[in-house]
């Protein structure tokens, strides 16, 4: 829905693969195929990209889909944002890139940034809080706080974009990806698209939360 609204006046990129996935998820998968060691054996260039990063004094943050849960999409969204300048510079120096590599240029950056912000401030910290709880019922107040925050961010996600924490600061992992997600861009249009993407994602997350945690939210049997 967001992509249809944001890109309705723009032509379909030449090298984007036609699938039922969103452009953002497709881009994450494409980046992992191209640059992760467990990506595409035929078209990937993981070894070369990791050597390039090593020369820059950086590490590869992309995470394999194998052995990871749904949150890997949110994490990898942030990782692609962190690596976007590295990817562009690497591809400019790569002779005759194949279609897989060309597709990485079709970056739905606002959506990926939104996914990365959600990973850093919501899903990642919630997973750590969840693992530390003795009982699922210990999370009732946490789930209510999430519901109230989601309702607020549905209407205005500007504070979320500024790094407003949902949980205690100790639950938020601030690293190079975090810095890349929250740095000042100086691009009002990009920031506006990121905020719109966050607000639409908040509507989806709120619906899921209200359905899955209905027994633990006010009015529920627990």
N, C-alpha and C. Protein backbone atom coordinates (compact mmCIF):
# COMPACT_ATOMS: atom_id res chain seq x y z
N UNK A 1 0.83 -1.20 0.00
CA UNK A 1 0.00 0.00 0.00
C UNK A 1 0.87 1.26 0.00
N UNK A 2 1.87 1.30 0.92
CA UNK A 2 2.74 2.47 1.00
C UNK A 2 3.50 2.66 -0.30
N UNK A 3 4.02 1.58 -0.86
CA UNK A 3 4.78 1.68 -2.10
C UNK A 3 3.90 2.17 -3.25
N UNK A 4 2.66 1.70 -3.30
CA UNK A 4 1.76 2.15 -4.34
C UNK A 4 1.48 3.64 -4.24
N UNK A 5 1.35 4.13 -3.00
CA UNK A 5 1.10 5.54 -2.78
C UNK A 5 2.34 6.38 -3.10
N UNK A 6 3.50 5.93 -2.64
CA UNK A 6 4.71 6.73 -2.78
C UNK A 6 5.29 6.70 -4.18
N UNK A 7 5.03 5.63 -4.95
CA UNK A 7 5.66 5.45 -6.26
C UNK A 7 4.69 5.46 -7.42
N UNK A 8 3.46 5.92 -7.19
CA UNK A 8 2.44 5.80 -8.24
C UNK A 8 2.78 6.60 -9.50
N UNK A 9 3.59 7.65 -9.36
CA UNK A 9 3.92 8.48 -10.52
C UNK A 9 5.27 8.14 -11.13
N UNK A 10 5.95 7.11 -10.59
CA UNK A 10 7.27 6.76 -11.06
C UNK A 10 7.24 5.44 -11.82
N UNK A 11 8.04 5.29 -12.88
CA UNK A 11 8.06 4.04 -13.64
C UNK A 11 8.69 2.90 -12.85
N UNK A 12 8.30 1.68 -13.16
CA UNK A 12 8.88 0.50 -12.51
C UNK A 12 10.35 0.39 -12.89
N UNK A 13 11.26 0.28 -11.91
CA UNK A 13 12.68 0.16 -12.22
C UNK A 13 12.96 -1.02 -13.15
N UNK A 14 13.89 -0.84 -14.05
CA UNK A 14 14.16 -1.81 -15.11
C UNK A 14 14.56 -3.17 -14.59
N UNK A 15 15.37 -3.20 -13.52
CA UNK A 15 15.95 -4.46 -13.10
C UNK A 15 15.28 -5.08 -11.87
N UNK A 16 14.14 -4.53 -11.45
CA UNK A 16 13.44 -5.11 -10.31
C UNK A 16 12.72 -6.38 -10.75
N UNK A 17 12.84 -7.43 -9.96
CA UNK A 17 12.21 -8.69 -10.29
C UNK A 17 10.73 -8.64 -9.91
N UNK A 18 9.87 -9.18 -10.75
CA UNK A 18 8.44 -9.12 -10.51
C UNK A 18 8.05 -10.27 -9.59
N UNK A 19 7.68 -9.96 -8.36
CA UNK A 19 7.25 -10.96 -7.39
C UNK A 19 6.09 -10.37 -6.60
N UNK A 20 5.51 -11.18 -5.71
CA UNK A 20 4.42 -10.71 -4.87
C UNK A 20 4.93 -10.00 -3.63
N UNK A 21 6.23 -9.99 -3.39
CA UNK A 21 6.79 -9.33 -2.23
C UNK A 21 6.76 -7.82 -2.38
N UNK A 22 6.83 -7.13 -1.25
CA UNK A 22 7.00 -5.68 -1.30
C UNK A 22 8.38 -5.36 -1.84
N UNK A 23 8.53 -4.16 -2.38
CA UNK A 23 9.83 -3.75 -2.89
C UNK A 23 10.89 -3.75 -1.81
N UNK A 24 10.49 -3.37 -0.58
CA UNK A 24 11.45 -3.33 0.52
C UNK A 24 11.98 -4.72 0.86
N UNK A 25 11.05 -5.69 1.00
CA UNK A 25 11.48 -7.05 1.32
C UNK A 25 12.28 -7.65 0.17
N UNK A 26 11.87 -7.32 -1.05
CA UNK A 26 12.59 -7.83 -2.21
C UNK A 26 14.03 -7.29 -2.23
N UNK A 27 14.17 -6.01 -1.87
CA UNK A 27 15.50 -5.42 -1.85
C UNK A 27 16.38 -6.06 -0.79
N UNK A 28 15.81 -6.31 0.40
CA UNK A 28 16.58 -6.96 1.45
C UNK A 28 17.06 -8.33 0.98
N UNK A 29 16.15 -9.10 0.36
CA UNK A 29 16.53 -10.40 -0.15
C UNK A 29 17.60 -10.31 -1.22
N UNK A 30 17.48 -9.30 -2.09
CA UNK A 30 18.46 -9.12 -3.15
C UNK A 30 19.83 -8.79 -2.60
N UNK A 31 19.86 -7.90 -1.60
CA UNK A 31 21.13 -7.54 -0.98
C UNK A 31 21.79 -8.75 -0.32
N UNK A 32 20.97 -9.57 0.35
CA UNK A 32 21.52 -10.76 1.00
C UNK A 32 22.04 -11.76 -0.04
N UNK A 33 21.30 -11.93 -1.15
CA UNK A 33 21.77 -12.82 -2.21
C UNK A 33 23.08 -12.34 -2.80
N UNK A 34 23.20 -11.03 -2.95
CA UNK A 34 24.38 -10.48 -3.61
C UNK A 34 25.60 -10.43 -2.69
N UNK A 35 25.40 -10.11 -1.40
CA UNK A 35 26.54 -9.75 -0.56
C UNK A 35 26.74 -10.61 0.67
N UNK A 36 25.80 -11.51 0.98
CA UNK A 36 25.99 -12.37 2.15
C UNK A 36 26.65 -13.69 1.72
N UNK A 37 27.56 -14.24 2.53
CA UNK A 37 28.25 -15.49 2.17
C UNK A 37 27.31 -16.65 1.87
N UNK A 38 26.09 -16.63 2.42
CA UNK A 38 25.13 -17.71 2.17
C UNK A 38 24.10 -17.28 1.13
N UNK A 39 24.48 -16.33 0.29
CA UNK A 39 23.59 -15.84 -0.74
C UNK A 39 23.68 -16.65 -2.02
N UNK A 40 23.62 -15.97 -3.16
CA UNK A 40 23.60 -16.65 -4.45
C UNK A 40 25.01 -17.08 -4.85
N UNK A 41 25.18 -18.40 -5.07
CA UNK A 41 26.48 -18.91 -5.53
C UNK A 41 26.79 -18.45 -6.94
N UNK A 42 25.75 -18.27 -7.75
CA UNK A 42 25.94 -17.93 -9.16
C UNK A 42 26.18 -16.45 -9.37
N UNK A 43 25.37 -15.61 -8.72
CA UNK A 43 25.43 -14.18 -9.00
C UNK A 43 25.98 -13.34 -7.85
N UNK A 44 26.16 -13.93 -6.69
CA UNK A 44 26.64 -13.18 -5.54
C UNK A 44 28.12 -12.86 -5.60
N UNK A 45 28.51 -11.83 -4.87
CA UNK A 45 29.92 -11.40 -4.83
C UNK A 45 30.33 -11.17 -3.37
N UNK A 46 29.92 -12.06 -2.49
CA UNK A 46 30.13 -11.87 -1.06
C UNK A 46 31.60 -11.74 -0.70
N UNK A 47 32.44 -12.59 -1.25
CA UNK A 47 33.86 -12.55 -0.90
C UNK A 47 34.48 -11.21 -1.28
N UNK A 48 34.15 -10.73 -2.47
CA UNK A 48 34.71 -9.45 -2.92
C UNK A 48 34.18 -8.29 -2.07
N UNK A 49 32.89 -8.36 -1.72
CA UNK A 49 32.31 -7.27 -0.94
C UNK A 49 32.90 -7.24 0.47
N UNK A 50 33.10 -8.41 1.07
CA UNK A 50 33.69 -8.46 2.40
C UNK A 50 35.14 -7.97 2.38
N UNK A 51 35.86 -8.26 1.31
CA UNK A 51 37.22 -7.74 1.18
C UNK A 51 37.20 -6.22 1.07
N UNK A 52 36.21 -5.71 0.31
CA UNK A 52 36.06 -4.26 0.18
C UNK A 52 35.78 -3.63 1.55
N UNK A 53 34.87 -4.24 2.32
CA UNK A 53 34.55 -3.71 3.65
C UNK A 53 35.77 -3.77 4.56
N UNK A 54 36.52 -4.86 4.47
CA UNK A 54 37.72 -5.02 5.30
C UNK A 54 38.71 -3.89 5.04
N UNK A 55 38.84 -3.52 3.77
CA UNK A 55 39.74 -2.41 3.42
C UNK A 55 39.25 -1.09 3.99
N UNK A 56 37.92 -0.99 4.22
CA UNK A 56 37.34 0.22 4.79
C UNK A 56 37.30 0.18 6.32
N UNK A 57 37.79 -0.93 6.89
CA UNK A 57 37.76 -1.10 8.34
C UNK A 57 36.37 -1.36 8.88
N UNK A 58 35.52 -1.99 8.06
CA UNK A 58 34.15 -2.25 8.47
C UNK A 58 33.86 -3.75 8.47
N UNK A 59 32.77 -4.14 9.14
CA UNK A 59 32.31 -5.52 9.15
C UNK A 59 30.99 -5.61 8.40
N UNK A 60 30.66 -6.81 7.94
CA UNK A 60 29.39 -7.05 7.26
C UNK A 60 28.31 -7.31 8.30
N UNK A 61 27.23 -6.52 8.25
CA UNK A 61 26.15 -6.66 9.22
C UNK A 61 24.97 -7.47 8.71
N UNK A 62 24.89 -7.72 7.41
CA UNK A 62 23.77 -8.49 6.89
C UNK A 62 23.71 -9.86 7.57
N UNK A 63 22.51 -10.29 7.90
CA UNK A 63 22.31 -11.55 8.63
C UNK A 63 21.63 -12.57 7.73
N UNK A 64 22.04 -13.82 7.85
CA UNK A 64 21.45 -14.89 7.07
C UNK A 64 20.01 -15.15 7.49
N UNK A 65 19.17 -15.52 6.52
CA UNK A 65 17.79 -15.89 6.83
C UNK A 65 17.73 -17.23 7.58
N UNK A 66 18.70 -18.09 7.29
CA UNK A 66 18.70 -19.44 7.87
C UNK A 66 18.93 -19.35 9.37
N UNK A 67 18.02 -19.95 10.14
CA UNK A 67 18.18 -20.00 11.59
C UNK A 67 17.71 -18.75 12.31
N UNK A 68 17.09 -17.81 11.60
CA UNK A 68 16.61 -16.59 12.23
C UNK A 68 15.11 -16.44 12.04
N UNK A 69 14.50 -15.70 12.95
CA UNK A 69 13.05 -15.52 12.93
C UNK A 69 12.67 -14.31 12.05
N UNK A 70 11.39 -13.97 12.06
CA UNK A 70 10.88 -12.90 11.21
C UNK A 70 11.63 -11.59 11.43
N UNK A 71 12.09 -11.34 12.67
CA UNK A 71 12.74 -10.07 12.96
C UNK A 71 13.99 -9.85 12.11
N UNK A 72 14.49 -10.91 11.45
CA UNK A 72 15.66 -10.75 10.59
C UNK A 72 15.39 -9.72 9.50
N UNK A 73 14.14 -9.60 9.05
CA UNK A 73 13.80 -8.62 8.03
C UNK A 73 13.97 -7.19 8.55
N UNK A 74 13.58 -6.96 9.78
CA UNK A 74 13.74 -5.64 10.37
C UNK A 74 15.22 -5.34 10.58
N UNK A 75 15.95 -6.33 11.10
CA UNK A 75 17.39 -6.13 11.33
C UNK A 75 18.11 -5.86 10.01
N UNK A 76 17.82 -6.67 9.00
CA UNK A 76 18.50 -6.51 7.72
C UNK A 76 18.11 -5.21 7.02
N UNK A 77 16.90 -4.71 7.28
CA UNK A 77 16.53 -3.41 6.75
C UNK A 77 17.49 -2.34 7.23
N UNK A 78 17.79 -2.37 8.53
CA UNK A 78 18.76 -1.43 9.09
C UNK A 78 20.16 -1.67 8.56
N UNK A 79 20.51 -2.95 8.38
CA UNK A 79 21.85 -3.28 7.89
C UNK A 79 22.07 -2.77 6.47
N UNK A 80 21.04 -2.87 5.62
CA UNK A 80 21.17 -2.36 4.25
C UNK A 80 21.32 -0.84 4.27
N UNK A 81 20.57 -0.16 5.15
CA UNK A 81 20.74 1.29 5.28
C UNK A 81 22.18 1.61 5.69
N UNK A 82 22.71 0.86 6.64
CA UNK A 82 24.10 1.10 7.07
C UNK A 82 25.08 0.91 5.92
N UNK A 83 24.84 -0.11 5.10
CA UNK A 83 25.79 -0.46 4.02
C UNK A 83 25.50 0.24 2.70
N UNK A 84 24.45 1.07 2.62
CA UNK A 84 24.02 1.58 1.31
C UNK A 84 25.13 2.33 0.59
N UNK A 85 25.89 3.16 1.29
CA UNK A 85 26.98 3.90 0.63
C UNK A 85 28.10 2.96 0.20
N UNK A 86 28.36 1.93 1.02
CA UNK A 86 29.37 0.93 0.66
C UNK A 86 28.93 0.18 -0.59
N UNK A 87 27.64 -0.18 -0.66
CA UNK A 87 27.13 -0.93 -1.81
C UNK A 87 27.24 -0.10 -3.08
N UNK A 88 26.84 1.17 -3.00
CA UNK A 88 26.91 2.04 -4.17
C UNK A 88 28.36 2.20 -4.64
N UNK A 89 29.27 2.46 -3.71
CA UNK A 89 30.68 2.63 -4.08
C UNK A 89 31.26 1.35 -4.66
N UNK A 90 30.91 0.22 -4.06
CA UNK A 90 31.41 -1.06 -4.54
C UNK A 90 30.92 -1.34 -5.96
N UNK A 91 29.63 -1.09 -6.21
CA UNK A 91 29.06 -1.40 -7.52
C UNK A 91 29.60 -0.46 -8.60
N UNK A 92 29.92 0.76 -8.24
CA UNK A 92 30.49 1.68 -9.22
C UNK A 92 31.84 1.18 -9.72
N UNK A 93 32.54 0.44 -8.87
CA UNK A 93 33.86 -0.06 -9.25
C UNK A 93 33.80 -1.47 -9.83
N UNK A 94 32.59 -2.08 -9.84
CA UNK A 94 32.46 -3.46 -10.30
C UNK A 94 32.17 -3.48 -11.79
N UNK A 95 32.98 -4.14 -12.60
CA UNK A 95 32.76 -4.15 -14.05
C UNK A 95 31.57 -5.03 -14.45
N UNK A 96 30.73 -4.50 -15.31
CA UNK A 96 29.62 -5.27 -15.90
C UNK A 96 28.79 -6.00 -14.86
N UNK A 97 28.14 -5.29 -13.94
CA UNK A 97 27.32 -5.97 -12.93
C UNK A 97 26.15 -6.71 -13.56
N UNK A 98 25.83 -7.91 -13.02
CA UNK A 98 24.69 -8.67 -13.52
C UNK A 98 23.40 -8.06 -12.99
N UNK A 99 22.27 -8.61 -13.42
CA UNK A 99 20.97 -8.04 -13.04
C UNK A 99 20.73 -8.08 -11.54
N UNK A 100 21.26 -9.11 -10.86
CA UNK A 100 21.10 -9.18 -9.42
C UNK A 100 21.75 -7.98 -8.77
N UNK A 101 22.96 -7.65 -9.22
CA UNK A 101 23.66 -6.52 -8.62
C UNK A 101 22.99 -5.20 -9.00
N UNK A 102 22.51 -5.08 -10.23
CA UNK A 102 21.84 -3.85 -10.65
C UNK A 102 20.59 -3.61 -9.82
N UNK A 103 19.91 -4.68 -9.45
CA UNK A 103 18.66 -4.54 -8.70
C UNK A 103 18.89 -3.92 -7.33
N UNK A 104 20.11 -4.06 -6.79
CA UNK A 104 20.39 -3.49 -5.48
C UNK A 104 20.29 -1.97 -5.53
N UNK A 105 20.48 -1.38 -6.71
CA UNK A 105 20.38 0.06 -6.83
C UNK A 105 18.95 0.56 -6.60
N UNK A 106 17.94 -0.29 -6.79
CA UNK A 106 16.55 0.13 -6.69
C UNK A 106 16.15 0.10 -5.22
N UNK A 107 16.69 1.03 -4.49
CA UNK A 107 16.57 1.00 -3.02
C UNK A 107 15.31 1.70 -2.54
N UNK A 108 14.49 0.98 -1.83
CA UNK A 108 13.33 1.57 -1.16
C UNK A 108 13.83 2.01 0.23
N UNK A 109 14.67 3.05 0.20
CA UNK A 109 15.41 3.41 1.41
C UNK A 109 14.51 3.80 2.58
N UNK A 110 13.45 4.52 2.29
CA UNK A 110 12.60 4.96 3.40
C UNK A 110 12.00 3.78 4.14
N UNK A 111 11.55 2.77 3.39
CA UNK A 111 10.96 1.59 4.02
C UNK A 111 12.00 0.81 4.82
N UNK A 112 13.20 0.68 4.25
CA UNK A 112 14.24 -0.06 4.96
C UNK A 112 14.65 0.67 6.23
N UNK A 113 14.71 1.99 6.14
CA UNK A 113 15.05 2.76 7.34
C UNK A 113 13.98 2.56 8.40
N UNK A 114 12.71 2.56 7.99
CA UNK A 114 11.62 2.35 8.93
C UNK A 114 11.72 0.97 9.58
N UNK A 115 12.00 -0.05 8.77
CA UNK A 115 12.16 -1.40 9.33
C UNK A 115 13.31 -1.45 10.33
N UNK A 116 14.42 -0.79 10.00
CA UNK A 116 15.57 -0.78 10.90
C UNK A 116 15.26 -0.06 12.20
N UNK A 117 14.52 1.05 12.12
CA UNK A 117 14.14 1.78 13.33
C UNK A 117 13.26 0.91 14.22
N UNK A 118 12.34 0.19 13.62
CA UNK A 118 11.48 -0.71 14.40
C UNK A 118 12.30 -1.80 15.07
N UNK A 119 13.29 -2.33 14.36
CA UNK A 119 14.16 -3.34 14.96
C UNK A 119 14.89 -2.78 16.17
N UNK A 120 15.44 -1.57 16.05
CA UNK A 120 16.24 -1.00 17.13
C UNK A 120 15.40 -0.59 18.34
N UNK A 121 14.21 -0.07 18.11
CA UNK A 121 13.44 0.51 19.21
C UNK A 121 12.26 -0.34 19.68
N UNK A 122 11.82 -1.32 18.86
CA UNK A 122 10.63 -2.08 19.22
C UNK A 122 10.88 -3.59 19.27
N UNK A 123 11.07 -4.20 18.11
CA UNK A 123 11.10 -5.67 18.08
C UNK A 123 12.35 -6.24 18.74
N UNK A 124 13.51 -5.63 18.52
CA UNK A 124 14.72 -6.12 19.17
C UNK A 124 14.64 -6.01 20.68
N UNK A 125 14.34 -4.82 21.24
CA UNK A 125 14.21 -4.70 22.69
C UNK A 125 13.10 -5.58 23.27
N UNK A 126 11.96 -5.69 22.55
CA UNK A 126 10.87 -6.53 23.07
C UNK A 126 11.32 -7.98 23.19
N UNK A 127 12.09 -8.46 22.22
CA UNK A 127 12.57 -9.84 22.29
C UNK A 127 13.46 -10.05 23.52
N UNK A 128 14.27 -9.04 23.85
CA UNK A 128 15.12 -9.15 25.04
C UNK A 128 14.29 -9.09 26.32
N UNK A 129 13.27 -8.24 26.35
CA UNK A 129 12.37 -8.19 27.50
C UNK A 129 11.62 -9.51 27.64
N UNK A 130 11.15 -10.05 26.53
CA UNK A 130 10.41 -11.31 26.53
C UNK A 130 11.26 -12.45 27.09
N UNK A 131 12.52 -12.53 26.67
CA UNK A 131 13.39 -13.61 27.13
C UNK A 131 13.75 -13.48 28.60
N UNK A 132 13.68 -12.27 29.14
CA UNK A 132 14.03 -12.05 30.55
C UNK A 132 12.84 -12.28 31.49
N UNK A 133 11.63 -12.38 30.95
CA UNK A 133 10.42 -12.52 31.77
C UNK A 133 10.31 -13.94 32.33
N UNK A 134 9.87 -14.05 33.56
CA UNK A 134 9.65 -15.36 34.18
C UNK A 134 8.35 -16.00 33.70
N UNK A 135 7.36 -15.17 33.41
CA UNK A 135 6.06 -15.64 32.96
C UNK A 135 5.53 -14.71 31.89
N UNK A 136 4.74 -15.26 30.98
CA UNK A 136 4.14 -14.45 29.94
C UNK A 136 3.25 -13.37 30.54
N UNK A 137 2.67 -13.64 31.73
CA UNK A 137 1.80 -12.66 32.37
C UNK A 137 2.59 -11.48 32.93
N UNK A 138 3.90 -11.65 33.09
CA UNK A 138 4.73 -10.52 33.53
C UNK A 138 4.80 -9.42 32.47
N UNK A 139 4.37 -9.74 31.26
CA UNK A 139 4.48 -8.79 30.15
C UNK A 139 3.22 -7.95 29.96
N UNK A 140 2.22 -8.11 30.82
CA UNK A 140 0.97 -7.39 30.63
C UNK A 140 1.17 -5.88 30.54
N UNK A 141 1.93 -5.32 31.48
CA UNK A 141 2.14 -3.87 31.46
C UNK A 141 2.97 -3.46 30.25
N UNK A 142 3.89 -4.31 29.86
CA UNK A 142 4.71 -4.03 28.67
C UNK A 142 3.85 -4.00 27.43
N UNK A 143 2.95 -4.97 27.30
CA UNK A 143 2.07 -5.04 26.13
C UNK A 143 1.13 -3.83 26.07
N UNK A 144 0.67 -3.38 27.24
CA UNK A 144 -0.20 -2.19 27.27
C UNK A 144 0.59 -0.95 26.83
N UNK A 145 1.82 -0.83 27.32
CA UNK A 145 2.67 0.29 26.91
C UNK A 145 2.89 0.28 25.40
N UNK A 146 3.12 -0.92 24.85
CA UNK A 146 3.31 -1.04 23.41
C UNK A 146 2.06 -0.59 22.67
N UNK A 147 0.90 -1.04 23.13
CA UNK A 147 -0.37 -0.67 22.48
C UNK A 147 -0.55 0.84 22.47
N UNK A 148 -0.32 1.47 23.61
CA UNK A 148 -0.51 2.91 23.71
C UNK A 148 0.48 3.66 22.82
N UNK A 149 1.72 3.18 22.78
CA UNK A 149 2.73 3.83 21.95
C UNK A 149 2.41 3.65 20.46
N UNK A 150 1.99 2.45 20.08
CA UNK A 150 1.63 2.20 18.68
C UNK A 150 0.49 3.12 18.25
N UNK A 151 -0.51 3.29 19.14
CA UNK A 151 -1.65 4.15 18.83
C UNK A 151 -1.18 5.59 18.59
N UNK A 152 -0.25 6.03 19.41
CA UNK A 152 0.27 7.39 19.25
C UNK A 152 1.08 7.52 17.97
N UNK A 153 1.94 6.54 17.70
CA UNK A 153 2.81 6.60 16.52
C UNK A 153 2.05 6.38 15.22
N UNK A 154 0.87 5.77 15.29
CA UNK A 154 0.03 5.64 14.09
C UNK A 154 -0.30 7.02 13.51
N UNK A 155 -0.52 7.97 14.41
CA UNK A 155 -0.91 9.32 13.99
C UNK A 155 0.30 10.21 13.74
N UNK A 156 1.38 9.99 14.50
CA UNK A 156 2.56 10.85 14.37
C UNK A 156 3.79 10.07 14.85
N UNK A 157 4.59 9.62 13.90
CA UNK A 157 5.77 8.82 14.23
C UNK A 157 7.05 9.66 14.28
N UNK A 158 6.91 10.98 14.38
CA UNK A 158 8.09 11.84 14.35
C UNK A 158 9.01 11.58 15.54
N UNK A 159 8.42 11.33 16.72
CA UNK A 159 9.25 11.06 17.89
C UNK A 159 9.96 9.71 17.77
N UNK A 160 9.30 8.76 17.14
CA UNK A 160 9.93 7.46 16.91
C UNK A 160 11.13 7.63 15.99
N UNK A 161 11.00 8.48 14.98
CA UNK A 161 12.11 8.75 14.08
C UNK A 161 13.27 9.43 14.79
N UNK A 162 12.96 10.14 15.86
CA UNK A 162 14.00 10.84 16.62
C UNK A 162 14.64 9.93 17.67
N UNK A 163 14.15 8.67 17.77
CA UNK A 163 14.75 7.72 18.69
C UNK A 163 14.05 7.59 20.03
N UNK A 164 12.78 8.00 20.10
CA UNK A 164 12.03 7.86 21.35
C UNK A 164 11.95 6.39 21.74
N UNK A 165 12.50 6.01 22.90
CA UNK A 165 12.53 4.58 23.25
C UNK A 165 11.18 4.09 23.76
N UNK A 166 10.84 2.87 23.38
CA UNK A 166 9.63 2.23 23.88
C UNK A 166 9.92 1.54 25.21
N UNK A 167 11.14 1.03 25.34
CA UNK A 167 11.56 0.33 26.55
C UNK A 167 12.69 1.11 27.22
N UNK A 168 13.24 0.57 28.28
CA UNK A 168 14.36 1.22 28.95
C UNK A 168 15.55 1.33 27.99
N UNK A 169 16.32 2.38 28.16
CA UNK A 169 17.46 2.61 27.28
C UNK A 169 18.42 1.43 27.29
N UNK A 170 18.48 0.70 28.40
CA UNK A 170 19.42 -0.43 28.49
C UNK A 170 19.04 -1.55 27.54
N UNK A 171 17.78 -1.58 27.08
CA UNK A 171 17.33 -2.63 26.16
C UNK A 171 17.62 -2.29 24.70
N UNK A 172 18.04 -1.05 24.44
CA UNK A 172 18.30 -0.60 23.08
C UNK A 172 19.78 -0.75 22.76
N UNK A 173 20.10 -1.49 21.70
CA UNK A 173 21.48 -1.68 21.27
C UNK A 173 21.88 -0.54 20.34
N UNK A 174 22.74 0.33 20.83
CA UNK A 174 23.21 1.46 20.02
C UNK A 174 24.57 1.11 19.42
N UNK A 175 24.57 0.92 18.11
CA UNK A 175 25.79 0.54 17.42
C UNK A 175 25.90 1.35 16.13
N UNK A 176 26.71 0.88 15.20
CA UNK A 176 26.88 1.60 13.94
C UNK A 176 25.60 1.65 13.12
N UNK A 177 24.82 0.57 13.17
CA UNK A 177 23.55 0.56 12.45
C UNK A 177 22.59 1.58 13.06
N UNK A 178 22.54 1.63 14.38
CA UNK A 178 21.69 2.61 15.08
C UNK A 178 22.07 4.03 14.64
N UNK A 179 23.36 4.32 14.63
CA UNK A 179 23.82 5.65 14.24
C UNK A 179 23.43 5.98 12.80
N UNK A 180 23.50 4.99 11.90
CA UNK A 180 23.14 5.21 10.50
C UNK A 180 21.65 5.48 10.36
N UNK A 181 20.84 4.82 11.17
CA UNK A 181 19.39 4.97 11.08
C UNK A 181 18.92 6.33 11.58
N UNK A 182 19.59 6.85 12.61
CA UNK A 182 19.10 8.06 13.26
C UNK A 182 19.94 9.30 12.97
N UNK A 183 20.90 9.19 12.09
CA UNK A 183 21.70 10.37 11.77
C UNK A 183 20.86 11.39 10.99
N UNK A 184 21.24 12.65 11.09
CA UNK A 184 20.55 13.71 10.36
C UNK A 184 20.81 13.55 8.87
N UNK A 185 19.76 13.48 8.07
CA UNK A 185 19.92 13.25 6.64
C UNK A 185 19.98 14.54 5.83
N UNK A 186 19.33 15.59 6.32
CA UNK A 186 19.25 16.82 5.54
C UNK A 186 18.36 16.70 4.33
N UNK A 187 17.58 15.62 4.25
CA UNK A 187 16.70 15.34 3.12
C UNK A 187 15.26 15.28 3.62
N UNK A 188 14.54 16.39 3.48
CA UNK A 188 13.18 16.47 4.02
C UNK A 188 12.24 15.45 3.39
N UNK A 189 12.38 15.20 2.09
CA UNK A 189 11.51 14.24 1.42
C UNK A 189 11.76 12.82 1.93
N UNK A 190 13.02 12.46 2.07
CA UNK A 190 13.37 11.13 2.58
C UNK A 190 12.86 10.94 4.00
N UNK A 191 13.02 11.96 4.84
CA UNK A 191 12.53 11.88 6.22
C UNK A 191 11.02 11.76 6.24
N UNK A 192 10.34 12.50 5.37
CA UNK A 192 8.88 12.44 5.32
C UNK A 192 8.40 11.06 4.90
N UNK A 193 9.05 10.46 3.90
CA UNK A 193 8.68 9.11 3.46
C UNK A 193 8.94 8.08 4.55
N UNK A 194 10.04 8.25 5.27
CA UNK A 194 10.35 7.34 6.37
C UNK A 194 9.27 7.41 7.44
N UNK A 195 8.84 8.62 7.77
CA UNK A 195 7.80 8.79 8.78
C UNK A 195 6.48 8.18 8.32
N UNK A 196 6.13 8.39 7.05
CA UNK A 196 4.90 7.79 6.52
C UNK A 196 4.97 6.27 6.57
N UNK A 197 6.12 5.71 6.23
CA UNK A 197 6.28 4.26 6.27
C UNK A 197 6.13 3.75 7.70
N UNK A 198 6.72 4.46 8.65
CA UNK A 198 6.59 4.07 10.06
C UNK A 198 5.15 4.10 10.53
N UNK A 199 4.42 5.13 10.15
CA UNK A 199 3.03 5.26 10.59
C UNK A 199 2.17 4.15 10.01
N UNK A 200 2.41 3.76 8.77
CA UNK A 200 1.65 2.65 8.18
C UNK A 200 2.03 1.32 8.84
N UNK A 201 3.31 1.14 9.13
CA UNK A 201 3.75 -0.07 9.81
C UNK A 201 3.18 -0.15 11.22
N UNK A 202 3.04 1.00 11.88
CA UNK A 202 2.46 1.01 13.23
C UNK A 202 1.01 0.53 13.21
N UNK A 203 0.26 0.90 12.17
CA UNK A 203 -1.11 0.40 12.06
C UNK A 203 -1.12 -1.12 11.98
N UNK A 204 -0.22 -1.68 11.18
CA UNK A 204 -0.14 -3.13 11.05
C UNK A 204 0.28 -3.80 12.33
N UNK A 205 1.29 -3.25 13.00
CA UNK A 205 1.77 -3.83 14.26
C UNK A 205 0.70 -3.73 15.35
N UNK A 206 -0.05 -2.63 15.35
CA UNK A 206 -1.12 -2.47 16.35
C UNK A 206 -2.19 -3.53 16.17
N UNK A 207 -2.60 -3.79 14.93
CA UNK A 207 -3.61 -4.81 14.67
C UNK A 207 -3.13 -6.18 15.12
N UNK A 208 -1.86 -6.51 14.84
CA UNK A 208 -1.31 -7.80 15.25
C UNK A 208 -1.26 -7.90 16.77
N UNK A 209 -0.81 -6.83 17.43
CA UNK A 209 -0.72 -6.83 18.90
C UNK A 209 -2.09 -7.02 19.53
N UNK A 210 -3.08 -6.28 19.05
CA UNK A 210 -4.43 -6.38 19.63
C UNK A 210 -5.02 -7.77 19.43
N UNK A 211 -4.69 -8.43 18.35
CA UNK A 211 -5.22 -9.76 18.08
C UNK A 211 -4.48 -10.82 18.90
N UNK A 212 -3.14 -10.76 18.90
CA UNK A 212 -2.35 -11.81 19.55
C UNK A 212 -2.33 -11.68 21.07
N UNK A 213 -2.47 -10.45 21.59
CA UNK A 213 -2.37 -10.25 23.03
C UNK A 213 -3.70 -9.80 23.64
N UNK A 214 -4.81 -10.12 22.99
CA UNK A 214 -6.10 -9.62 23.46
C UNK A 214 -6.43 -10.08 24.87
N UNK A 215 -5.97 -11.27 25.27
CA UNK A 215 -6.28 -11.77 26.61
C UNK A 215 -5.49 -11.04 27.69
N UNK A 216 -4.40 -10.39 27.32
CA UNK A 216 -3.53 -9.71 28.30
C UNK A 216 -3.68 -8.20 28.28
N UNK A 217 -4.44 -7.70 27.34
CA UNK A 217 -4.71 -6.26 27.29
C UNK A 217 -5.99 -5.96 28.06
N UNK A 218 -6.23 -4.68 28.43
CA UNK A 218 -7.44 -4.35 29.18
C UNK A 218 -8.71 -4.92 28.54
N UNK A 219 -9.52 -5.58 29.37
CA UNK A 219 -10.72 -6.25 28.88
C UNK A 219 -10.54 -7.72 28.65
N UNK A 220 -9.27 -8.18 28.62
CA UNK A 220 -8.97 -9.59 28.42
C UNK A 220 -9.07 -10.37 29.72
N UNK A 221 -9.11 -11.71 29.63
CA UNK A 221 -9.32 -12.53 30.83
C UNK A 221 -8.12 -12.58 31.75
N UNK A 222 -6.93 -12.17 31.26
CA UNK A 222 -5.76 -12.15 32.14
C UNK A 222 -5.32 -10.74 32.49
